[in-house]
């Protein structure tokens, strides 16, 4: 078979790799200026990390050198991934979220919340007044006089039971 050569020169990044016809060429970059190949068409791939690979077809003629001066294009820089933050709020099922959202849009829940809030405030006022009345009642002098009268009535009822044998008293 007749042979020819391929000469690759240019400003290639360090660590670039070369394949000819799908086979890696295992030689240092500075020796790419004279690569012996059989005559005919060959697919050449030059790749490097961080660069767009070059893929091209070359024709090598017998006793001739085919030159290739590739310039690899740098890949666009990828944005750095942002750190993942953890949401500490309690998870709300989507269906509940959308239901509450639609109800709030109609204003019904807001109205009910306000109504219950007002009822709660009224209850607190009634409770406060009842506690105040209870404290006033306990501290009043009338309580003492009522207790005295109740004891007197109870003593009269006991004496009446003792005097009348027909009464069934406990």
Protein backbone atom coordinates (compact mmCIF):
# COMPACT_ATOMS: atom_id res chain seq x y z
CA UNK A 1 0.00 0.00 0.00
CA UNK A 2 1.13 3.49 -0.82
CA UNK A 3 1.79 5.81 2.09
CA UNK A 4 1.53 9.52 2.66
CA UNK A 5 1.64 11.71 5.74
CA UNK A 6 -0.55 14.03 7.78
CA UNK A 7 0.92 17.12 9.40
CA UNK A 8 -1.07 18.73 12.23
CA UNK A 9 0.15 22.08 13.48
CA UNK A 10 -1.44 24.99 15.23
CA UNK A 11 -2.14 26.34 18.66
CA UNK A 12 -3.60 23.26 20.33
CA UNK A 13 -4.32 23.04 24.05
CA UNK A 14 -2.08 20.85 26.19
CA UNK A 15 -3.46 17.35 26.60
CA UNK A 16 -5.24 17.34 23.23
CA UNK A 17 -6.05 13.85 21.88
CA UNK A 18 -5.91 12.69 18.27
CA UNK A 19 -7.87 9.93 16.55
CA UNK A 20 -7.52 8.90 12.92
CA UNK A 21 -10.12 6.56 11.48
CA UNK A 22 -11.52 5.92 15.00
CA UNK A 23 -8.11 4.79 16.34
CA UNK A 24 -6.29 6.86 18.98
CA UNK A 25 -2.86 8.06 17.91
CA UNK A 26 -0.56 7.51 20.88
CA UNK A 27 2.24 9.98 20.34
CA UNK A 28 3.20 13.33 21.86
CA UNK A 29 1.69 16.45 20.36
CA UNK A 30 5.03 17.77 19.16
CA UNK A 31 5.32 14.70 16.86
CA UNK A 32 1.99 15.36 15.12
CA UNK A 33 3.83 17.20 12.35
CA UNK A 34 4.56 13.93 10.48
CA UNK A 35 2.07 11.09 10.93
CA UNK A 36 2.48 8.29 8.35
CA UNK A 37 -0.88 7.03 6.99
CA UNK A 38 -2.02 4.87 4.09
CA UNK A 39 -3.33 6.82 1.11
CA UNK A 40 -7.03 7.56 0.98
CA UNK A 41 -9.68 9.35 3.01
CA UNK A 42 -9.38 9.43 6.81
CA UNK A 43 -11.60 10.90 9.48
CA UNK A 44 -9.56 12.96 11.96
CA UNK A 45 -10.85 13.88 15.43
CA UNK A 46 -8.96 16.25 17.72
CA UNK A 47 -10.36 16.76 21.20
CA UNK A 48 -9.34 18.38 24.48
CA UNK A 49 -11.05 18.90 27.81
CA UNK A 50 -12.95 22.20 27.84
CA UNK A 51 -12.89 22.57 24.04
CA UNK A 52 -15.26 21.74 21.18
CA UNK A 53 -13.92 18.67 19.36
CA UNK A 54 -12.87 19.06 15.72
CA UNK A 55 -14.03 16.35 13.33
CA UNK A 56 -12.93 16.52 9.72
CA UNK A 57 -12.12 14.27 6.75
CA UNK A 58 -8.69 14.51 5.08
CA UNK A 59 -7.35 12.89 1.92
CA UNK A 60 -3.83 11.55 2.11
CA UNK A 61 -2.04 11.18 -1.25
CA UNK A 62 0.93 8.85 -1.92
CA UNK A 63 4.33 10.36 -1.12
CA UNK A 64 2.65 13.66 -0.17
CA UNK A 65 1.94 15.52 3.10
CA UNK A 66 -1.55 16.74 3.89
CA UNK A 67 -1.51 19.69 6.30
CA UNK A 68 -4.16 20.47 8.92
CA UNK A 69 -4.06 23.60 11.12
CA UNK A 70 -6.95 23.26 13.56
CA UNK A 71 -8.02 25.82 16.12
CA UNK A 72 -10.16 24.30 18.84
CA UNK A 73 -12.91 26.52 20.15
CA UNK A 74 -13.22 26.80 23.91
CA UNK A 75 -16.54 25.54 25.37
CA UNK A 76 -18.69 28.21 26.99
CA UNK A 77 -18.08 28.31 30.71
CA UNK A 78 -20.81 26.49 32.60
CA UNK A 79 -22.39 28.36 35.50
CA UNK A 80 -21.30 27.02 38.83
CA UNK A 81 -24.04 25.10 40.59
CA UNK A 82 -25.58 27.01 43.45
CA UNK A 83 -25.55 25.32 46.85
CA UNK A 84 -28.76 23.51 47.60
CA UNK A 85 -30.65 25.09 50.44
CA UNK A 86 -33.06 23.06 52.46
CA UNK A 87 -36.54 24.44 52.93
CA UNK A 88 -37.38 24.05 56.61
CA UNK A 89 -41.02 25.00 56.27
CA UNK A 90 -43.47 22.12 56.72
CA UNK A 91 -44.45 20.52 53.44
CA UNK A 92 -47.94 21.35 52.21
CA UNK A 93 -49.46 18.94 49.70
CA UNK A 94 -50.05 20.65 46.36
CA UNK A 95 -53.75 19.79 46.41
CA UNK A 96 -54.21 21.48 49.81
CA UNK A 97 -52.16 24.48 48.70
CA UNK A 98 -54.26 24.99 45.57
CA UNK A 99 -57.53 24.47 47.48
CA UNK A 100 -56.62 27.03 50.15
CA UNK A 101 -55.37 29.40 47.51
CA UNK A 102 -58.66 29.21 45.58
CA UNK A 103 -60.69 29.64 48.77
CA UNK A 104 -58.67 32.65 49.84
CA UNK A 105 -59.18 34.13 46.39
CA UNK A 106 -62.91 33.96 46.98
CA UNK A 107 -62.51 35.55 50.41
CA UNK A 108 -64.65 32.98 52.21
CA UNK A 109 -61.99 31.66 54.53
CA UNK A 110 -60.80 35.14 55.40
CA UNK A 111 -64.36 36.11 56.34
CA UNK A 112 -64.76 32.94 58.48
CA UNK A 113 -61.45 33.53 60.21
CA UNK A 114 -62.48 37.09 61.04
CA UNK A 115 -65.89 35.91 62.34
CA UNK A 116 -64.27 33.29 64.61
CA UNK A 117 -61.74 35.84 65.78
CA UNK A 118 -64.53 38.23 66.76
CA UNK A 119 -66.43 35.40 68.50
CA UNK A 120 -63.27 34.51 70.39
CA UNK A 121 -62.82 38.12 71.48
CA UNK A 122 -66.47 38.26 72.65
CA UNK A 123 -65.97 35.00 74.57
CA UNK A 124 -62.85 36.40 76.24
CA UNK A 125 -64.82 39.49 77.33
CA UNK A 126 -67.69 37.39 78.74
CA UNK A 127 -65.19 35.16 80.53
CA UNK A 128 -63.40 38.20 81.96
CA UNK A 129 -66.69 39.67 83.25
CA UNK A 130 -67.76 36.32 84.74
CA UNK A 131 -64.45 35.98 86.59
CA UNK A 132 -64.75 39.55 87.86
CA UNK A 133 -68.33 38.91 89.06
CA UNK A 134 -67.26 35.66 90.73
CA UNK A 135 -64.45 37.44 92.58
CA UNK A 136 -66.80 40.23 93.59
CA UNK A 137 -69.40 37.72 94.81
CA UNK A 138 -66.83 35.79 96.85
CA UNK A 139 -65.51 38.92 98.43
CA UNK A 140 -68.87 40.55 99.15
CA UNK A 141 -70.39 40.80 102.62
CA UNK A 142 -73.66 39.48 101.28
CA UNK A 143 -72.04 36.09 100.88
CA UNK A 144 -71.34 36.01 104.60
CA UNK A 145 -74.91 37.00 105.50
CA UNK A 146 -76.35 34.48 103.03
CA UNK A 147 -74.19 31.72 104.50
CA UNK A 148 -75.32 32.65 108.03
CA UNK A 149 -78.99 32.59 106.99
CA UNK A 150 -78.52 29.24 105.25
CA UNK A 151 -76.96 27.75 108.40
CA UNK A 152 -79.82 29.14 110.53
CA UNK A 153 -82.42 27.64 108.18
CA UNK A 154 -80.65 24.29 108.26
CA UNK A 155 -80.60 24.29 112.08
CA UNK A 156 -84.33 25.10 112.22
CA UNK A 157 -85.05 22.23 109.82
CA UNK A 158 -83.05 19.81 112.01
CA UNK A 159 -84.92 20.87 115.17
CA UNK A 160 -88.24 20.52 113.38
CA UNK A 161 -87.26 16.98 112.37
CA UNK A 162 -86.37 16.09 115.93
CA UNK A 163 -89.62 17.48 117.33
CA UNK A 164 -92.00 15.90 114.83
CA UNK A 165 -91.69 12.08 114.74
CA UNK A 166 -93.92 11.82 111.61
CA UNK A 167 -91.36 13.71 109.48
CA UNK A 168 -88.85 11.42 107.78
CA UNK A 169 -85.62 13.32 108.14
CA UNK A 170 -82.26 12.04 107.04
